[in-house]
Amino acid sequence: MGTVVVGYVSTAEGEAALERAVAEAQLRGATLVVVSSHRGGGGEDDDEERRAEARAESVRRRLEEAGVPSEVHTLVRGFEPAEDLIALAEANHAELIVIGLRRRSPVGKLILGSNAQRVLLDAPCPVLTVKA
């Protein structure tokens, strides 16, 4: 059985990526690994941690209802989300990564960097990008 890895955030783009990743996992008969990565790394407050865990539990229930074998990882390790996504894709020998894209200005990409670009360039497998 293969593995599909999806980068998930609670946004319209994240929801679109999750929806498509579920469809890909079902189509491929694969396990779905959901990665919700937050830069944080020790500075997160208790309320944010509770909200993140509630979102993860909601995703777990949705995947269970969809009948998709899955793992949900909420990571707050101080890494860039792209690093976490690539590391889990490598560790799980992913056959596909799914990420959501949002439009950003060229200056925004220059100043803030681009997790999507990093995933596209460094991923160990094909990457499917979706819009909201």
C-alpha atoms as a PDB file:
ATOM      1  CA  MET A   1       0.000   0.000   0.000  1.00  0.00           C
ATOM      2  CA  GLY A   2       1.353   3.422  -0.952  1.00  0.00           C
ATOM      3  CA  THR A   3       1.228   6.719   0.887  1.00  0.00           C
ATOM      4  CA  VAL A   4      -0.136  10.146  -0.006  1.00  0.00           C
ATOM      5  CA  VAL A   5       1.069  13.062   2.126  1.00  0.00           C
ATOM      6  CA  VAL A   6      -0.928  16.295   2.389  1.00  0.00           C
ATOM      7  CA  GLY A   7       0.024  19.620   3.921  1.00  0.00           C
ATOM      8  CA  TYR A   8      -2.976  20.842   5.905  1.00  0.00           C
ATOM      9  CA  VAL A   9      -3.849  24.205   7.392  1.00  0.00           C
ATOM     10  CA  SER A  10      -7.310  25.361   8.383  1.00  0.00           C
ATOM     11  CA  THR A  11      -7.841  27.625   5.348  1.00  0.00           C
ATOM     12  CA  ALA A  12      -9.750  27.337   2.098  1.00  0.00           C
ATOM     13  CA  GLU A  13      -6.530  26.186   0.405  1.00  0.00           C
ATOM     14  CA  GLY A  14      -5.852  23.638   3.128  1.00  0.00           C
ATOM     15  CA  GLU A  15      -9.375  22.262   2.880  1.00  0.00           C
ATOM     16  CA  ALA A  16      -9.046  21.957  -0.912  1.00  0.00           C
ATOM     17  CA  ALA A  17      -5.741  20.111  -0.512  1.00  0.00           C
ATOM     18  CA  LEU A  18      -7.235  17.729   2.061  1.00  0.00           C
ATOM     19  CA  GLU A  19     -10.266  17.012  -0.123  1.00  0.00           C
ATOM     20  CA  ARG A  20      -8.088  16.226  -3.132  1.00  0.00           C
ATOM     21  CA  ALA A  21      -5.669  14.152  -1.054  1.00  0.00           C
ATOM     22  CA  VAL A  22      -8.555  12.026   0.237  1.00  0.00           C
ATOM     23  CA  ALA A  23      -9.669  11.417  -3.351  1.00  0.00           C
ATOM     24  CA  GLU A  24      -6.106  10.503  -4.395  1.00  0.00           C
ATOM     25  CA  ALA A  25      -5.657   8.137  -1.443  1.00  0.00           C
ATOM     26  CA  GLN A  26      -8.951   6.411  -2.259  1.00  0.00           C
ATOM     27  CA  LEU A  27      -8.042   6.171  -5.957  1.00  0.00           C
ATOM     28  CA  ARG A  28      -4.617   4.709  -5.179  1.00  0.00           C
ATOM     29  CA  GLY A  29      -5.667   2.528  -2.233  1.00  0.00           C
ATOM     30  CA  ALA A  30      -3.085   4.460  -0.215  1.00  0.00           C
ATOM     31  CA  THR A  31      -2.679   5.584   3.362  1.00  0.00           C
ATOM     32  CA  LEU A  32      -3.118   9.328   3.832  1.00  0.00           C
ATOM     33  CA  VAL A  33      -0.610  11.162   6.042  1.00  0.00           C
ATOM     34  CA  VAL A  34      -1.872  14.606   7.047  1.00  0.00           C
ATOM     35  CA  VAL A  35       0.804  17.089   8.128  1.00  0.00           C
ATOM     36  CA  SER A  36      -0.191  20.250   9.967  1.00  0.00           C
ATOM     37  CA  SER A  37       3.062  22.076  10.671  1.00  0.00           C
ATOM     38  CA  HIS A  38       3.330  25.251  12.708  1.00  0.00           C
ATOM     39  CA  ARG A  39       6.548  27.240  12.981  1.00  0.00           C
ATOM     40  CA  GLY A  40       6.141  27.848  16.748  1.00  0.00           C
ATOM     41  CA  GLY A  41       8.575  25.671  18.593  1.00  0.00           C
ATOM     42  CA  GLY A  42       7.937  26.441  22.229  1.00  0.00           C
ATOM     43  CA  GLY A  43       6.226  29.813  22.020  1.00  0.00           C
ATOM     44  CA  GLU A  44       2.740  28.513  21.333  1.00  0.00           C
ATOM     45  CA  ASP A  45       0.131  29.402  23.921  1.00  0.00           C
ATOM     46  CA  ASP A  46      -2.233  26.868  25.459  1.00  0.00           C
ATOM     47  CA  ASP A  47      -5.249  28.195  23.547  1.00  0.00           C
ATOM     48  CA  GLU A  48      -3.507  27.779  20.192  1.00  0.00           C
ATOM     49  CA  GLU A  49      -2.394  24.266  21.107  1.00  0.00           C
ATOM     50  CA  ARG A  50      -5.982  23.343  22.055  1.00  0.00           C
ATOM     51  CA  ARG A  51      -7.315  24.778  18.787  1.00  0.00           C
ATOM     52  CA  ALA A  52      -4.691  22.883  16.787  1.00  0.00           C
ATOM     53  CA  GLU A  53      -5.563  19.615  18.538  1.00  0.00           C
ATOM     54  CA  ALA A  54      -9.310  20.230  18.003  1.00  0.00           C
ATOM     55  CA  ARG A  55      -8.670  20.787  14.268  1.00  0.00           C
ATOM     56  CA  ALA A  56      -6.572  17.596  14.128  1.00  0.00           C
ATOM     57  CA  GLU A  57      -9.340  15.613  15.827  1.00  0.00           C
ATOM     58  CA  SER A  58     -11.884  17.001  13.365  1.00  0.00           C
ATOM     59  CA  VAL A  59      -9.675  15.900  10.457  1.00  0.00           C
ATOM     60  CA  ARG A  60      -9.280  12.421  12.010  1.00  0.00           C
ATOM     61  CA  ARG A  61     -13.069  12.041  12.242  1.00  0.00           C
ATOM     62  CA  ARG A  62     -13.542  13.173   8.627  1.00  0.00           C
ATOM     63  CA  LEU A  63     -10.973  10.683   7.371  1.00  0.00           C
ATOM     64  CA  GLU A  64     -12.477   7.884   9.432  1.00  0.00           C
ATOM     65  CA  GLU A  65     -15.918   8.668   7.972  1.00  0.00           C
ATOM     66  CA  ALA A  66     -14.394   8.638   4.470  1.00  0.00           C
ATOM     67  CA  GLY A  67     -12.903   5.205   5.192  1.00  0.00           C
ATOM     68  CA  VAL A  68      -9.354   6.329   4.407  1.00  0.00           C
ATOM     69  CA  PRO A  69      -6.513   4.732   6.383  1.00  0.00           C
ATOM     70  CA  SER A  70      -4.686   7.725   7.791  1.00  0.00           C
ATOM     71  CA  GLU A  71      -2.308   9.349  10.224  1.00  0.00           C
ATOM     72  CA  VAL A  72      -2.628  12.973  11.367  1.00  0.00           C
ATOM     73  CA  HIS A  73       0.481  14.802  12.550  1.00  0.00           C
ATOM     74  CA  THR A  74       0.342  18.230  14.214  1.00  0.00           C
ATOM     75  CA  LEU A  75       3.924  19.458  14.440  1.00  0.00           C
ATOM     76  CA  VAL A  76       5.223  22.486  16.341  1.00  0.00           C
ATOM     77  CA  ARG A  77       8.971  21.975  16.190  1.00  0.00           C
ATOM     78  CA  GLY A  78      10.288  25.308  14.979  1.00  0.00           C
ATOM     79  CA  PHE A  79      10.841  24.045  11.424  1.00  0.00           C
ATOM     80  CA  GLU A  80       9.429  25.568   8.270  1.00  0.00           C
ATOM     81  CA  PRO A  81       6.274  23.718   7.148  1.00  0.00           C
ATOM     82  CA  ALA A  82       8.038  22.670   3.929  1.00  0.00           C
ATOM     83  CA  GLU A  83      10.771  20.936   5.955  1.00  0.00           C
ATOM     84  CA  ASP A  84       8.226  18.960   7.975  1.00  0.00           C
ATOM     85  CA  LEU A  85       6.241  17.997   4.881  1.00  0.00           C
ATOM     86  CA  ILE A  86       9.304  16.830   2.958  1.00  0.00           C
ATOM     87  CA  ALA A  87      10.682  14.926   5.963  1.00  0.00           C
ATOM     88  CA  LEU A  88       7.413  13.020   6.487  1.00  0.00           C
ATOM     89  CA  ALA A  89       7.113  12.325   2.755  1.00  0.00           C
ATOM     90  CA  GLU A  90      10.619  10.836   2.775  1.00  0.00           C
ATOM     91  CA  ALA A  91      10.029   8.862   5.981  1.00  0.00           C
ATOM     92  CA  ASN A  92       6.797   7.376   4.587  1.00  0.00           C
ATOM     93  CA  HIS A  93       8.138   6.760   1.059  1.00  0.00           C
ATOM     94  CA  ALA A  94       5.277   8.892  -0.294  1.00  0.00           C
ATOM     95  CA  GLU A  95       4.151   8.404  -3.841  1.00  0.00           C
ATOM     96  CA  LEU A  96       2.470  11.831  -3.917  1.00  0.00           C
ATOM     97  CA  ILE A  97       2.395  15.097  -1.944  1.00  0.00           C
ATOM     98  CA  VAL A  98      -0.682  17.352  -2.139  1.00  0.00           C
ATOM     99  CA  ILE A  99      -0.504  21.028  -1.161  1.00  0.00           C
ATOM    100  CA  GLY A 100      -2.849  23.992  -1.439  1.00  0.00           C
ATOM    101  CA  LEU A 101      -1.716  27.189  -3.120  1.00  0.00           C
ATOM    102  CA  ARG A 102      -2.719  30.764  -2.536  1.00  0.00           C
ATOM    103  CA  ARG A 103      -1.841  33.762  -4.588  1.00  0.00           C
ATOM    104  CA  ARG A 104       0.936  35.963  -3.217  1.00  0.00           C
ATOM    105  CA  SER A 105       2.638  39.006  -4.635  1.00  0.00           C
ATOM    106  CA  PRO A 106       6.208  38.652  -5.920  1.00  0.00           C
ATOM    107  CA  VAL A 107       7.396  40.877  -3.069  1.00  0.00           C
ATOM    108  CA  GLY A 108       5.556  38.711  -0.526  1.00  0.00           C
ATOM    109  CA  LYS A 109       7.305  35.634  -1.904  1.00  0.00           C
ATOM    110  CA  LEU A 110      10.681  37.358  -1.759  1.00  0.00           C
ATOM    111  CA  ILE A 111      10.298  38.595   1.813  1.00  0.00           C
ATOM    112  CA  LEU A 112       8.534  35.610   3.361  1.00  0.00           C
ATOM    113  CA  GLY A 113       9.936  32.808   1.242  1.00  0.00           C
ATOM    114  CA  SER A 114       7.703  30.200  -0.314  1.00  0.00           C
ATOM    115  CA  ASN A 115       6.943  26.884   1.333  1.00  0.00           C
ATOM    116  CA  ALA A 116       5.161  25.750  -1.814  1.00  0.00           C
ATOM    117  CA  GLN A 117       8.219  26.484  -3.940  1.00  0.00           C
ATOM    118  CA  ARG A 118      10.459  24.611  -1.519  1.00  0.00           C
ATOM    119  CA  VAL A 119       8.159  21.567  -1.581  1.00  0.00           C
ATOM    120  CA  LEU A 120       7.976  21.648  -5.372  1.00  0.00           C
ATOM    121  CA  LEU A 121      11.761  21.823  -5.726  1.00  0.00           C
ATOM    122  CA  ASP A 122      12.840  19.447  -2.948  1.00  0.00           C
ATOM    123  CA  ALA A 123      10.078  16.834  -2.754  1.00  0.00           C
ATOM    124  CA  PRO A 124      11.148  13.205  -3.168  1.00  0.00           C
ATOM    125  CA  CYS A 125       8.024  12.441  -5.255  1.00  0.00           C
ATOM    126  CA  PRO A 126       5.477  14.158  -7.522  1.00  0.00           C
ATOM    127  CA  VAL A 127       3.594  17.120  -6.020  1.00  0.00           C
ATOM    128  CA  LEU A 128      -0.028  17.963  -6.792  1.00  0.00           C
ATOM    129  CA  THR A 129      -0.983  21.576  -6.129  1.00  0.00           C
ATOM    130  CA  VAL A 130      -4.599  22.693  -5.775  1.00  0.00           C
ATOM    131  CA  LYS A 131      -6.338  26.031  -5.416  1.00  0.00           C
ATOM    132  CA  ALA A 132      -9.240  26.787  -3.127  1.00  0.00           C
END
